[in-house]
Amino acid sequence: MSTEFQIFISSTVDDLKGIRKKLAAALEQPGRIVRCSEDPTFPVEPGMTSHDACLAVVRRCHAFVLLIGTRFGGSIKVRTSR
């Protein structure tokens, strides 16, 4: 995990964009990394889905902010091992 305090701000992609942007600006300061999935610097590995990329970043962050509005994301099929 990074020595800098990392914060991931999340919501559905199509709404709350303005709120995410304002919150990110308010949280940014030296020693902090604020992550939003729409940022060009958002870490994504080749071949990784956007969902998996977000989960990978959440695992590396110290704080997670989830904004909940009126929309909802997609469904996920859960695989079980036999």
PDB file of N, CA and C in Angstrom:
ATOM      1  N   MET A   1       0.845  -1.175   0.000  1.00  0.00           N
ATOM      2  CA  MET A   1       0.000   0.000   0.000  1.00  0.00           C
ATOM      3  C   MET A   1       0.890   1.237   0.000  1.00  0.00           C
ATOM      4  N   SER A   2       0.481   2.253  -0.689  1.00  0.00           N
ATOM      5  CA  SER A   2       1.231   3.499  -0.813  1.00  0.00           C
ATOM      6  C   SER A   2       1.401   4.163   0.551  1.00  0.00           C
ATOM      7  N   THR A   3       2.489   4.887   0.717  1.00  0.00           N
ATOM      8  CA  THR A   3       2.691   5.639   1.948  1.00  0.00           C
ATOM      9  C   THR A   3       1.816   6.895   1.958  1.00  0.00           C
ATOM     10  N   GLU A   4       1.403   7.353   0.776  1.00  0.00           N
ATOM     11  CA  GLU A   4       0.474   8.475   0.702  1.00  0.00           C
ATOM     12  C   GLU A   4      -0.939   7.964   0.992  1.00  0.00           C
ATOM     13  N   PHE A   5      -1.720   8.780   1.668  1.00  0.00           N
ATOM     14  CA  PHE A   5      -3.092   8.414   2.001  1.00  0.00           C
ATOM     15  C   PHE A   5      -3.924   8.449   0.727  1.00  0.00           C
ATOM     16  N   GLN A   6      -4.489   7.300   0.347  1.00  0.00           N
ATOM     17  CA  GLN A   6      -5.265   7.201  -0.887  1.00  0.00           C
ATOM     18  C   GLN A   6      -6.754   7.099  -0.574  1.00  0.00           C
ATOM     19  N   ILE A   7      -7.552   7.876  -1.296  1.00  0.00           N
ATOM     20  CA  ILE A   7      -9.004   7.909  -1.134  1.00  0.00           C
ATOM     21  C   ILE A   7      -9.635   7.619  -2.491  1.00  0.00           C
ATOM     22  N   PHE A   8     -10.571   6.685  -2.531  1.00  0.00           N
ATOM     23  CA  PHE A   8     -11.295   6.383  -3.765  1.00  0.00           C
ATOM     24  C   PHE A   8     -12.718   6.897  -3.621  1.00  0.00           C
ATOM     25  N   ILE A   9     -13.137   7.752  -4.560  1.00  0.00           N
ATOM     26  CA  ILE A   9     -14.501   8.274  -4.591  1.00  0.00           C
ATOM     27  C   ILE A   9     -15.254   7.542  -5.693  1.00  0.00           C
ATOM     28  N   SER A  10     -16.385   6.935  -5.339  1.00  0.00           N
ATOM     29  CA  SER A  10     -17.110   6.106  -6.292  1.00  0.00           C
ATOM     30  C   SER A  10     -18.599   6.437  -6.301  1.00  0.00           C
ATOM     31  N   SER A  11     -19.188   6.285  -7.463  1.00  0.00           N
ATOM     32  CA  SER A  11     -20.637   6.339  -7.650  1.00  0.00           C
ATOM     33  C   SER A  11     -20.895   5.741  -9.027  1.00  0.00           C
ATOM     34  N   THR A  12     -22.148   5.662  -9.426  1.00  0.00           N
ATOM     35  CA  THR A  12     -22.401   5.243 -10.801  1.00  0.00           C
ATOM     36  C   THR A  12     -21.780   6.281 -11.728  1.00  0.00           C
ATOM     37  N   VAL A  13     -21.369   5.862 -12.898  1.00  0.00           N
ATOM     38  CA  VAL A  13     -20.575   6.710 -13.793  1.00  0.00           C
ATOM     39  C   VAL A  13     -21.370   7.898 -14.337  1.00  0.00           C
ATOM     40  N   ASP A  14     -22.630   7.681 -14.695  1.00  0.00           N
ATOM     41  CA  ASP A  14     -23.392   8.702 -15.412  1.00  0.00           C
ATOM     42  C   ASP A  14     -24.017   9.796 -14.545  1.00  0.00           C
ATOM     43  N   ASP A  15     -23.998   9.624 -13.237  1.00  0.00           N
ATOM     44  CA  ASP A  15     -24.557  10.688 -12.408  1.00  0.00           C
ATOM     45  C   ASP A  15     -23.563  11.067 -11.307  1.00  0.00           C
ATOM     46  N   LEU A  16     -23.831  12.137 -10.640  1.00  0.00           N
ATOM     47  CA  LEU A  16     -23.020  12.631  -9.522  1.00  0.00           C
ATOM     48  C   LEU A  16     -21.599  13.036  -9.922  1.00  0.00           C
ATOM     49  N   LYS A  17     -21.361  13.219 -11.213  1.00  0.00           N
ATOM     50  CA  LYS A  17     -20.024  13.594 -11.688  1.00  0.00           C
ATOM     51  C   LYS A  17     -19.569  14.916 -11.078  1.00  0.00           C
ATOM     52  N   GLY A  18     -20.476  15.902 -11.034  1.00  0.00           N
ATOM     53  CA  GLY A  18     -20.133  17.197 -10.457  1.00  0.00           C
ATOM     54  C   GLY A  18     -19.804  17.107  -8.979  1.00  0.00           C
ATOM     55  N   ILE A  19     -20.555  16.293  -8.258  1.00  0.00           N
ATOM     56  CA  ILE A  19     -20.302  16.102  -6.828  1.00  0.00           C
ATOM     57  C   ILE A  19     -18.967  15.402  -6.613  1.00  0.00           C
ATOM     58  N   ARG A  20     -18.679  14.370  -7.421  1.00  0.00           N
ATOM     59  CA  ARG A  20     -17.377  13.670  -7.304  1.00  0.00           C
ATOM     60  C   ARG A  20     -16.233  14.649  -7.529  1.00  0.00           C
ATOM     61  N   LYS A  21     -16.371  15.515  -8.545  1.00  0.00           N
ATOM     62  CA  LYS A  21     -15.318  16.469  -8.873  1.00  0.00           C
ATOM     63  C   LYS A  21     -15.100  17.466  -7.733  1.00  0.00           C
ATOM     64  N   LYS A  22     -16.188  18.008  -7.173  1.00  0.00           N
ATOM     65  CA  LYS A  22     -16.069  18.957  -6.064  1.00  0.00           C
ATOM     66  C   LYS A  22     -15.492  18.287  -4.819  1.00  0.00           C
ATOM     67  N   LEU A  23     -15.923  17.073  -4.523  1.00  0.00           N
ATOM     68  CA  LEU A  23     -15.415  16.347  -3.365  1.00  0.00           C
ATOM     69  C   LEU A  23     -13.928  16.048  -3.528  1.00  0.00           C
ATOM     70  N   ALA A  24     -13.528  15.623  -4.726  1.00  0.00           N
ATOM     71  CA  ALA A  24     -12.108  15.343  -4.991  1.00  0.00           C
ATOM     72  C   ALA A  24     -11.266  16.595  -4.783  1.00  0.00           C
ATOM     73  N   ALA A  25     -11.756  17.733  -5.276  1.00  0.00           N
ATOM     74  CA  ALA A  25     -11.019  18.993  -5.112  1.00  0.00           C
ATOM     75  C   ALA A  25     -10.896  19.360  -3.633  1.00  0.00           C
ATOM     76  N   ALA A  26     -11.952  19.118  -2.863  1.00  0.00           N
ATOM     77  CA  ALA A  26     -11.927  19.438  -1.435  1.00  0.00           C
ATOM     78  C   ALA A  26     -10.981  18.520  -0.659  1.00  0.00           C
ATOM     79  N   LEU A  27     -10.838  17.271  -1.107  1.00  0.00           N
ATOM     80  CA  LEU A  27      -9.999  16.304  -0.393  1.00  0.00           C
ATOM     81  C   LEU A  27      -8.532  16.350  -0.802  1.00  0.00           C
ATOM     82  N   GLU A  28      -8.236  16.904  -1.975  1.00  0.00           N
ATOM     83  CA  GLU A  28      -6.853  16.924  -2.453  1.00  0.00           C
ATOM     84  C   GLU A  28      -6.001  17.855  -1.606  1.00  0.00           C
ATOM     85  N   GLN A  29      -4.852  17.325  -1.197  1.00  0.00           N
ATOM     86  CA  GLN A  29      -3.850  18.094  -0.478  1.00  0.00           C
ATOM     87  C   GLN A  29      -2.553  17.291  -0.489  1.00  0.00           C
ATOM     88  N   PRO A  30      -1.435  17.923  -0.176  1.00  0.00           N
ATOM     89  CA  PRO A  30      -0.169  17.182  -0.185  1.00  0.00           C
ATOM     90  C   PRO A  30      -0.243  15.949   0.718  1.00  0.00           C
ATOM     91  N   GLY A  31       0.297  14.836   0.221  1.00  0.00           N
ATOM     92  CA  GLY A  31       0.277  13.588   0.981  1.00  0.00           C
ATOM     93  C   GLY A  31      -0.951  12.741   0.760  1.00  0.00           C
ATOM     94  N   ARG A  32      -1.872  13.207  -0.067  1.00  0.00           N
ATOM     95  CA  ARG A  32      -3.092  12.450  -0.380  1.00  0.00           C
ATOM     96  C   ARG A  32      -3.180  12.214  -1.877  1.00  0.00           C
ATOM     97  N   ILE A  33      -3.701  11.057  -2.219  1.00  0.00           N
ATOM     98  CA  ILE A  33      -4.040  10.741  -3.599  1.00  0.00           C
ATOM     99  C   ILE A  33      -5.535  10.478  -3.624  1.00  0.00           C
ATOM    100  N   VAL A  34      -6.263  11.249  -4.420  1.00  0.00           N
ATOM    101  CA  VAL A  34      -7.708  11.063  -4.552  1.00  0.00           C
ATOM    102  C   VAL A  34      -7.958  10.382  -5.888  1.00  0.00           C
ATOM    103  N   ARG A  35      -8.613   9.232  -5.860  1.00  0.00           N
ATOM    104  CA  ARG A  35      -8.878   8.445  -7.063  1.00  0.00           C
ATOM    105  C   ARG A  35     -10.348   8.534  -7.455  1.00  0.00           C
ATOM    106  N   CYS A  36     -10.593   8.820  -8.725  1.00  0.00           N
ATOM    107  CA  CYS A  36     -11.923   8.756  -9.331  1.00  0.00           C
ATOM    108  C   CYS A  36     -11.747   8.005 -10.649  1.00  0.00           C
ATOM    109  N   SER A  37     -12.638   7.092 -10.946  1.00  0.00           N
ATOM    110  CA  SER A  37     -12.451   6.215 -12.104  1.00  0.00           C
ATOM    111  C   SER A  37     -12.415   6.960 -13.432  1.00  0.00           C
ATOM    112  N   GLU A  38     -12.996   8.164 -13.504  1.00  0.00           N
ATOM    113  CA  GLU A  38     -12.995   8.890 -14.778  1.00  0.00           C
ATOM    114  C   GLU A  38     -11.710   9.679 -15.013  1.00  0.00           C
ATOM    115  N   ASP A  39     -10.841   9.744 -14.020  1.00  0.00           N
ATOM    116  CA  ASP A  39      -9.583  10.484 -14.181  1.00  0.00           C
ATOM    117  C   ASP A  39      -8.645   9.760 -15.143  1.00  0.00           C
ATOM    118  N   PRO A  40      -7.939  10.516 -15.985  1.00  0.00           N
ATOM    119  CA  PRO A  40      -7.012   9.879 -16.934  1.00  0.00           C
ATOM    120  C   PRO A  40      -5.862   9.137 -16.248  1.00  0.00           C
ATOM    121  N   THR A  41      -5.563   9.477 -15.009  1.00  0.00           N
ATOM    122  CA  THR A  41      -4.468   8.814 -14.287  1.00  0.00           C
ATOM    123  C   THR A  41      -4.943   7.595 -13.484  1.00  0.00           C
ATOM    124  N   PHE A  42      -6.227   7.237 -13.609  1.00  0.00           N
ATOM    125  CA  PHE A  42      -6.760   6.088 -12.876  1.00  0.00           C
ATOM    126  C   PHE A  42      -6.034   4.823 -13.335  1.00  0.00           C
ATOM    127  N   PRO A  43      -5.468   4.065 -12.387  1.00  0.00           N
ATOM    128  CA  PRO A  43      -4.674   2.894 -12.772  1.00  0.00           C
ATOM    129  C   PRO A  43      -5.524   1.729 -13.293  1.00  0.00           C
ATOM    130  N   VAL A  44      -5.287   1.357 -14.533  1.00  0.00           N
ATOM    131  CA  VAL A  44      -5.984   0.225 -15.150  1.00  0.00           C
ATOM    132  C   VAL A  44      -4.948  -0.641 -15.847  1.00  0.00           C
ATOM    133  N   GLU A  45      -5.011  -1.931 -15.586  1.00  0.00           N
ATOM    134  CA  GLU A  45      -4.107  -2.863 -16.245  1.00  0.00           C
ATOM    135  C   GLU A  45      -4.747  -3.364 -17.537  1.00  0.00           C
ATOM    136  N   PRO A  46      -3.939  -3.622 -18.564  1.00  0.00           N
ATOM    137  CA  PRO A  46      -4.481  -4.124 -19.834  1.00  0.00           C
ATOM    138  C   PRO A  46      -5.308  -5.399 -19.624  1.00  0.00           C
ATOM    139  N   GLY A  47      -6.440  -5.462 -20.292  1.00  0.00           N
ATOM    140  CA  GLY A  47      -7.295  -6.641 -20.219  1.00  0.00           C
ATOM    141  C   GLY A  47      -8.217  -6.679 -19.010  1.00  0.00           C
ATOM    142  N   MET A  48      -8.137  -5.676 -18.148  1.00  0.00           N
ATOM    143  CA  MET A  48      -8.950  -5.650 -16.943  1.00  0.00           C
ATOM    144  C   MET A  48     -10.246  -4.890 -17.221  1.00  0.00           C
ATOM    145  N   THR A  49     -11.364  -5.402 -16.741  1.00  0.00           N
ATOM    146  CA  THR A  49     -12.640  -4.691 -16.898  1.00  0.00           C
ATOM    147  C   THR A  49     -12.648  -3.467 -15.987  1.00  0.00           C
ATOM    148  N   SER A  50     -13.513  -2.511 -16.274  1.00  0.00           N
ATOM    149  CA  SER A  50     -13.595  -1.313 -15.440  1.00  0.00           C
ATOM    150  C   SER A  50     -14.012  -1.673 -14.010  1.00  0.00           C
ATOM    151  N   HIS A  51     -14.885  -2.645 -13.876  1.00  0.00           N
ATOM    152  CA  HIS A  51     -15.323  -3.099 -12.551  1.00  0.00           C
ATOM    153  C   HIS A  51     -14.148  -3.663 -11.765  1.00  0.00           C
ATOM    154  N   ASP A  52     -13.370  -4.542 -12.390  1.00  0.00           N
ATOM    155  CA  ASP A  52     -12.215  -5.135 -11.708  1.00  0.00           C
ATOM    156  C   ASP A  52     -11.138  -4.094 -11.403  1.00  0.00           C
ATOM    157  N   ALA A  53     -10.979  -3.112 -12.285  1.00  0.00           N
ATOM    158  CA  ALA A  53     -10.009  -2.040 -12.044  1.00  0.00           C
ATOM    159  C   ALA A  53     -10.417  -1.235 -10.812  1.00  0.00           C
ATOM    160  N   CYS A  54     -11.691  -0.945 -10.680  1.00  0.00           N
ATOM    161  CA  CYS A  54     -12.167  -0.216  -9.499  1.00  0.00           C
ATOM    162  C   CYS A  54     -11.947  -1.021  -8.227  1.00  0.00           C
ATOM    163  N   LEU A  55     -12.253  -2.309  -8.271  1.00  0.00           N
ATOM    164  CA  LEU A  55     -12.042  -3.150  -7.086  1.00  0.00           C
ATOM    165  C   LEU A  55     -10.567  -3.225  -6.704  1.00  0.00           C
ATOM    166  N   ALA A  56      -9.684  -3.281  -7.690  1.00  0.00           N
ATOM    167  CA  ALA A  56      -8.249  -3.317  -7.414  1.00  0.00           C
ATOM    168  C   ALA A  56      -7.795  -2.032  -6.731  1.00  0.00           C
ATOM    169  N   VAL A  57      -8.315  -0.895  -7.181  1.00  0.00           N
ATOM    170  CA  VAL A  57      -7.952   0.385  -6.562  1.00  0.00           C
ATOM    171  C   VAL A  57      -8.517   0.470  -5.142  1.00  0.00           C
ATOM    172  N   VAL A  58      -9.740   0.006  -4.931  1.00  0.00           N
ATOM    173  CA  VAL A  58     -10.333   0.008  -3.591  1.00  0.00           C
ATOM    174  C   VAL A  58      -9.440  -0.755  -2.620  1.00  0.00           C
ATOM    175  N   ARG A  59      -8.909  -1.879  -3.056  1.00  0.00           N
ATOM    176  CA  ARG A  59      -8.048  -2.688  -2.176  1.00  0.00           C
ATOM    177  C   ARG A  59      -6.767  -1.953  -1.774  1.00  0.00           C
ATOM    178  N   ARG A  60      -6.314  -1.030  -2.617  1.00  0.00           N
ATOM    179  CA  ARG A  60      -5.071  -0.288  -2.332  1.00  0.00           C
ATOM    180  C   ARG A  60      -5.318   1.022  -1.587  1.00  0.00           C
ATOM    181  N   CYS A  61      -6.568   1.412  -1.433  1.00  0.00           N
ATOM    182  CA  CYS A  61      -6.876   2.693  -0.803  1.00  0.00           C
ATOM    183  C   CYS A  61      -7.057   2.557   0.702  1.00  0.00           C
ATOM    184  N   HIS A  62      -6.839   3.681   1.377  1.00  0.00           N
ATOM    185  CA  HIS A  62      -7.025   3.757   2.818  1.00  0.00           C
ATOM    186  C   HIS A  62      -8.460   4.130   3.174  1.00  0.00           C
ATOM    187  N   ALA A  63      -9.133   4.842   2.264  1.00  0.00           N
ATOM    188  CA  ALA A  63     -10.513   5.270   2.501  1.00  0.00           C
ATOM    189  C   ALA A  63     -11.313   5.128   1.206  1.00  0.00           C
ATOM    190  N   PHE A  64     -12.590   4.839   1.369  1.00  0.00           N
ATOM    191  CA  PHE A  64     -13.495   4.643   0.243  1.00  0.00           C
ATOM    192  C   PHE A  64     -14.748   5.470   0.497  1.00  0.00           C
ATOM    193  N   VAL A  65     -15.081   6.352  -0.439  1.00  0.00           N
ATOM    194  CA  VAL A  65     -16.282   7.182  -0.325  1.00  0.00           C
ATOM    195  C   VAL A  65     -17.244   6.737  -1.418  1.00  0.00           C
ATOM    196  N   LEU A  66     -18.412   6.256  -1.025  1.00  0.00           N
ATOM    197  CA  LEU A  66     -19.430   5.815  -1.979  1.00  0.00           C
ATOM    198  C   LEU A  66     -20.567   6.816  -1.967  1.00  0.00           C
ATOM    199  N   LEU A  67     -20.827   7.414  -3.122  1.00  0.00           N
ATOM    200  CA  LEU A  67     -21.926   8.360  -3.278  1.00  0.00           C
ATOM    201  C   LEU A  67     -23.108   7.615  -3.883  1.00  0.00           C
ATOM    202  N   ILE A  68     -24.242   7.701  -3.250  1.00  0.00           N
ATOM    203  CA  ILE A  68     -25.420   6.968  -3.707  1.00  0.00           C
ATOM    204  C   ILE A  68     -26.475   7.962  -4.169  1.00  0.00           C
ATOM    205  N   GLY A  69     -26.906   7.796  -5.417  1.00  0.00           N
ATOM    206  CA  GLY A  69     -27.933   8.655  -5.996  1.00  0.00           C
ATOM    207  C   GLY A  69     -29.140   7.832  -6.395  1.00  0.00           C
ATOM    208  N   THR A  70     -29.761   8.219  -7.502  1.00  0.00           N
ATOM    209  CA  THR A  70     -30.989   7.544  -7.937  1.00  0.00           C
ATOM    210  C   THR A  70     -30.747   6.446  -8.961  1.00  0.00           C
ATOM    211  N   ARG A  71     -29.528   6.370  -9.508  1.00  0.00           N
ATOM    212  CA  ARG A  71     -29.215   5.341 -10.505  1.00  0.00           C
ATOM    213  C   ARG A  71     -28.587   4.139  -9.819  1.00  0.00           C
ATOM    214  N   PHE A  72     -28.462   3.050 -10.564  1.00  0.00           N
ATOM    215  CA  PHE A  72     -27.762   1.883 -10.042  1.00  0.00           C
ATOM    216  C   PHE A  72     -26.892   1.306 -11.136  1.00  0.00           C
ATOM    217  N   GLY A  73     -25.865   0.574 -10.726  1.00  0.00           N
ATOM    218  CA  GLY A  73     -24.924  -0.013 -11.677  1.00  0.00           C
ATOM    219  C   GLY A  73     -25.447  -1.314 -12.257  1.00  0.00           C
ATOM    220  N   GLY A  74     -24.568  -2.016 -12.953  1.00  0.00           N
ATOM    221  CA  GLY A  74     -24.935  -3.278 -13.573  1.00  0.00           C
ATOM    222  C   GLY A  74     -24.937  -4.421 -12.584  1.00  0.00           C
ATOM    223  N   SER A  75     -25.441  -5.535 -13.027  1.00  0.00           N
ATOM    224  CA  SER A  75     -25.448  -6.717 -12.171  1.00  0.00           C
ATOM    225  C   SER A  75     -24.179  -7.530 -12.404  1.00  0.00           C
ATOM    226  N   ILE A  76     -23.814  -8.299 -11.416  1.00  0.00           N
ATOM    227  CA  ILE A  76     -22.608  -9.120 -11.479  1.00  0.00           C
ATOM    228  C   ILE A  76     -23.014 -10.580 -11.308  1.00  0.00           C
ATOM    229  N   LYS A  77     -22.514 -11.420 -12.177  1.00  0.00           N
ATOM    230  CA  LYS A  77     -22.744 -12.851 -12.014  1.00  0.00           C
ATOM    231  C   LYS A  77     -21.656 -13.397 -11.102  1.00  0.00           C
ATOM    232  N   VAL A  78     -22.063 -14.072 -10.054  1.00  0.00           N
ATOM    233  CA  VAL A  78     -21.113 -14.622  -9.089  1.00  0.00           C
ATOM    234  C   VAL A  78     -20.821 -16.057  -9.480  1.00  0.00           C
ATOM    235  N   ARG A  79     -19.540 -16.363  -9.619  1.00  0.00           N
ATOM    236  CA  ARG A  79     -19.135 -17.737  -9.949  1.00  0.00           C
ATOM    237  C   ARG A  79     -18.836 -18.487  -8.656  1.00  0.00           C
ATOM    238  N   THR A  80     -19.303 -19.701  -8.616  1.00  0.00           N
ATOM    239  CA  THR A  80     -18.990 -20.545  -7.462  1.00  0.00           C
ATOM    240  C   THR A  80     -18.129 -21.698  -7.920  1.00  0.00           C
ATOM    241  N   SER A  81     -17.212 -22.097  -7.086  1.00  0.00           N
ATOM    242  CA  SER A  81     -16.364 -23.243  -7.440  1.00  0.00           C
ATOM    243  C   SER A  81     -17.033 -24.515  -6.968  1.00  0.00           C
ATOM    244  N   ARG A  82     -16.783 -25.576  -7.677  1.00  0.00           N
ATOM    245  CA  ARG A  82     -17.399 -26.869  -7.309  1.00  0.00           C
ATOM    246  C   ARG A  82     -16.361 -27.826  -6.855  1.00  0.00           C
TER     247      ARG A  82
END
